[in-house]
């Protein structure tokens, strides 16, 4: 199975990279762009065919390592 984890800073947490990208876009002429947030995507393969078990396993990985749940939220996709 393929797993994708999308990690972003929670709303209200200052996103310094997002702010830098937003300012760069403004400087390049896209002044209407607002509220830019930068995140990360982590992709990997998992053994097995049980989708529910795979989702639970990936969520456990997120809680323990892949996301800092104090300041980040995550979304899991398993296919």
C-alpha atoms as a PDB file:
ATOM      1  CA  UNK A   1       0.000   0.000   0.000  1.00  0.00           C
ATOM      2  CA  UNK A   2       1.064   3.563  -0.645  1.00  0.00           C
ATOM      3  CA  UNK A   3       0.744   6.118   2.129  1.00  0.00           C
ATOM      4  CA  UNK A   4       0.899   9.911   1.942  1.00  0.00           C
ATOM      5  CA  UNK A   5       1.032  12.190   4.951  1.00  0.00           C
ATOM      6  CA  UNK A   6       0.426  15.915   4.525  1.00  0.00           C
ATOM      7  CA  UNK A   7       1.726  18.004   7.448  1.00  0.00           C
ATOM      8  CA  UNK A   8       0.939  21.695   7.972  1.00  0.00           C
ATOM      9  CA  UNK A   9       1.273  24.158  10.801  1.00  0.00           C
ATOM     10  CA  UNK A  10      -1.961  24.590  12.744  1.00  0.00           C
ATOM     11  CA  UNK A  11      -3.972  27.778  12.199  1.00  0.00           C
ATOM     12  CA  UNK A  12      -2.639  30.549  14.407  1.00  0.00           C
ATOM     13  CA  UNK A  13       0.952  29.264  14.356  1.00  0.00           C
ATOM     14  CA  UNK A  14       3.253  31.698  12.571  1.00  0.00           C
ATOM     15  CA  UNK A  15       4.401  30.204   9.263  1.00  0.00           C
ATOM     16  CA  UNK A  16       7.669  32.016   8.522  1.00  0.00           C
ATOM     17  CA  UNK A  17       8.261  30.106   5.271  1.00  0.00           C
ATOM     18  CA  UNK A  18       4.710  30.796   4.136  1.00  0.00           C
ATOM     19  CA  UNK A  19       5.161  34.513   4.838  1.00  0.00           C
ATOM     20  CA  UNK A  20       8.435  34.572   2.865  1.00  0.00           C
ATOM     21  CA  UNK A  21       6.787  32.838  -0.106  1.00  0.00           C
ATOM     22  CA  UNK A  22       3.844  35.243   0.058  1.00  0.00           C
ATOM     23  CA  UNK A  23       6.152  38.274   0.025  1.00  0.00           C
ATOM     24  CA  UNK A  24       8.159  36.824  -2.873  1.00  0.00           C
ATOM     25  CA  UNK A  25       4.968  36.259  -4.856  1.00  0.00           C
ATOM     26  CA  UNK A  26       3.914  39.849  -4.191  1.00  0.00           C
ATOM     27  CA  UNK A  27       7.332  41.019  -5.382  1.00  0.00           C
ATOM     28  CA  UNK A  28       6.874  39.057  -8.607  1.00  0.00           C
ATOM     29  CA  UNK A  29       3.548  40.700  -9.336  1.00  0.00           C
ATOM     30  CA  UNK A  30       1.021  38.371  -7.705  1.00  0.00           C
ATOM     31  CA  UNK A  31      -0.173  40.879  -5.118  1.00  0.00           C
ATOM     32  CA  UNK A  32      -3.525  39.216  -4.543  1.00  0.00           C
ATOM     33  CA  UNK A  33      -2.040  36.074  -3.002  1.00  0.00           C
ATOM     34  CA  UNK A  34      -2.813  35.844   0.723  1.00  0.00           C
ATOM     35  CA  UNK A  35      -2.488  33.470   3.655  1.00  0.00           C
ATOM     36  CA  UNK A  36       0.279  31.285   2.181  1.00  0.00           C
ATOM     37  CA  UNK A  37       1.070  28.194   4.263  1.00  0.00           C
ATOM     38  CA  UNK A  38       4.011  25.892   3.560  1.00  0.00           C
ATOM     39  CA  UNK A  39       3.849  22.237   4.570  1.00  0.00           C
ATOM     40  CA  UNK A  40       5.476  18.946   3.795  1.00  0.00           C
ATOM     41  CA  UNK A  41       4.391  15.701   2.190  1.00  0.00           C
ATOM     42  CA  UNK A  42       5.837  12.360   3.229  1.00  0.00           C
ATOM     43  CA  UNK A  43       5.258   9.339   0.964  1.00  0.00           C
ATOM     44  CA  UNK A  44       6.120   5.710   1.632  1.00  0.00           C
ATOM     45  CA  UNK A  45       5.053   2.109   1.005  1.00  0.00           C
ATOM     46  CA  UNK A  46       3.500  -0.141   3.632  1.00  0.00           C
ATOM     47  CA  UNK A  47       3.173  -3.932   3.567  1.00  0.00           C
ATOM     48  CA  UNK A  48      -0.243  -5.547   3.800  1.00  0.00           C
ATOM     49  CA  UNK A  49      -3.655  -5.107   2.239  1.00  0.00           C
ATOM     50  CA  UNK A  50      -5.832  -4.003   5.176  1.00  0.00           C
ATOM     51  CA  UNK A  51      -6.549  -0.323   4.531  1.00  0.00           C
ATOM     52  CA  UNK A  52      -7.998   0.410   7.984  1.00  0.00           C
ATOM     53  CA  UNK A  53      -5.000  -1.153   9.731  1.00  0.00           C
ATOM     54  CA  UNK A  54      -2.620   0.766   7.461  1.00  0.00           C
ATOM     55  CA  UNK A  55      -4.367   4.080   8.235  1.00  0.00           C
ATOM     56  CA  UNK A  56      -4.173   3.373  11.956  1.00  0.00           C
ATOM     57  CA  UNK A  57      -0.481   2.526  11.668  1.00  0.00           C
ATOM     58  CA  UNK A  58       0.297   5.702   9.708  1.00  0.00           C
ATOM     59  CA  UNK A  59      -1.632   7.829  12.220  1.00  0.00           C
ATOM     60  CA  UNK A  60       0.466   6.278  15.005  1.00  0.00           C
ATOM     61  CA  UNK A  61       3.602   7.181  13.025  1.00  0.00           C
ATOM     62  CA  UNK A  62       2.358  10.762  12.758  1.00  0.00           C
ATOM     63  CA  UNK A  63       1.639  11.017  16.460  1.00  0.00           C
ATOM     64  CA  UNK A  64       5.067   9.656  17.404  1.00  0.00           C
ATOM     65  CA  UNK A  65       7.399  11.029  14.718  1.00  0.00           C
ATOM     66  CA  UNK A  66       6.122  12.547  11.487  1.00  0.00           C
ATOM     67  CA  UNK A  67       4.207  15.517  12.932  1.00  0.00           C
ATOM     68  CA  UNK A  68       4.725  17.741  15.949  1.00  0.00           C
ATOM     69  CA  UNK A  69       1.096  17.598  17.055  1.00  0.00           C
ATOM     70  CA  UNK A  70       1.507  20.573  19.374  1.00  0.00           C
ATOM     71  CA  UNK A  71       1.915  22.951  16.411  1.00  0.00           C
ATOM     72  CA  UNK A  72       1.165  20.810  13.343  1.00  0.00           C
ATOM     73  CA  UNK A  73      -1.849  19.003  11.951  1.00  0.00           C
ATOM     74  CA  UNK A  74      -1.724  16.162   9.456  1.00  0.00           C
ATOM     75  CA  UNK A  75      -3.858  14.365   6.901  1.00  0.00           C
ATOM     76  CA  UNK A  76      -3.311  10.731   5.938  1.00  0.00           C
ATOM     77  CA  UNK A  77      -4.037   9.134   2.556  1.00  0.00           C
ATOM     78  CA  UNK A  78      -3.689   5.379   2.043  1.00  0.00           C
ATOM     79  CA  UNK A  79      -4.201   3.812  -1.382  1.00  0.00           C
END
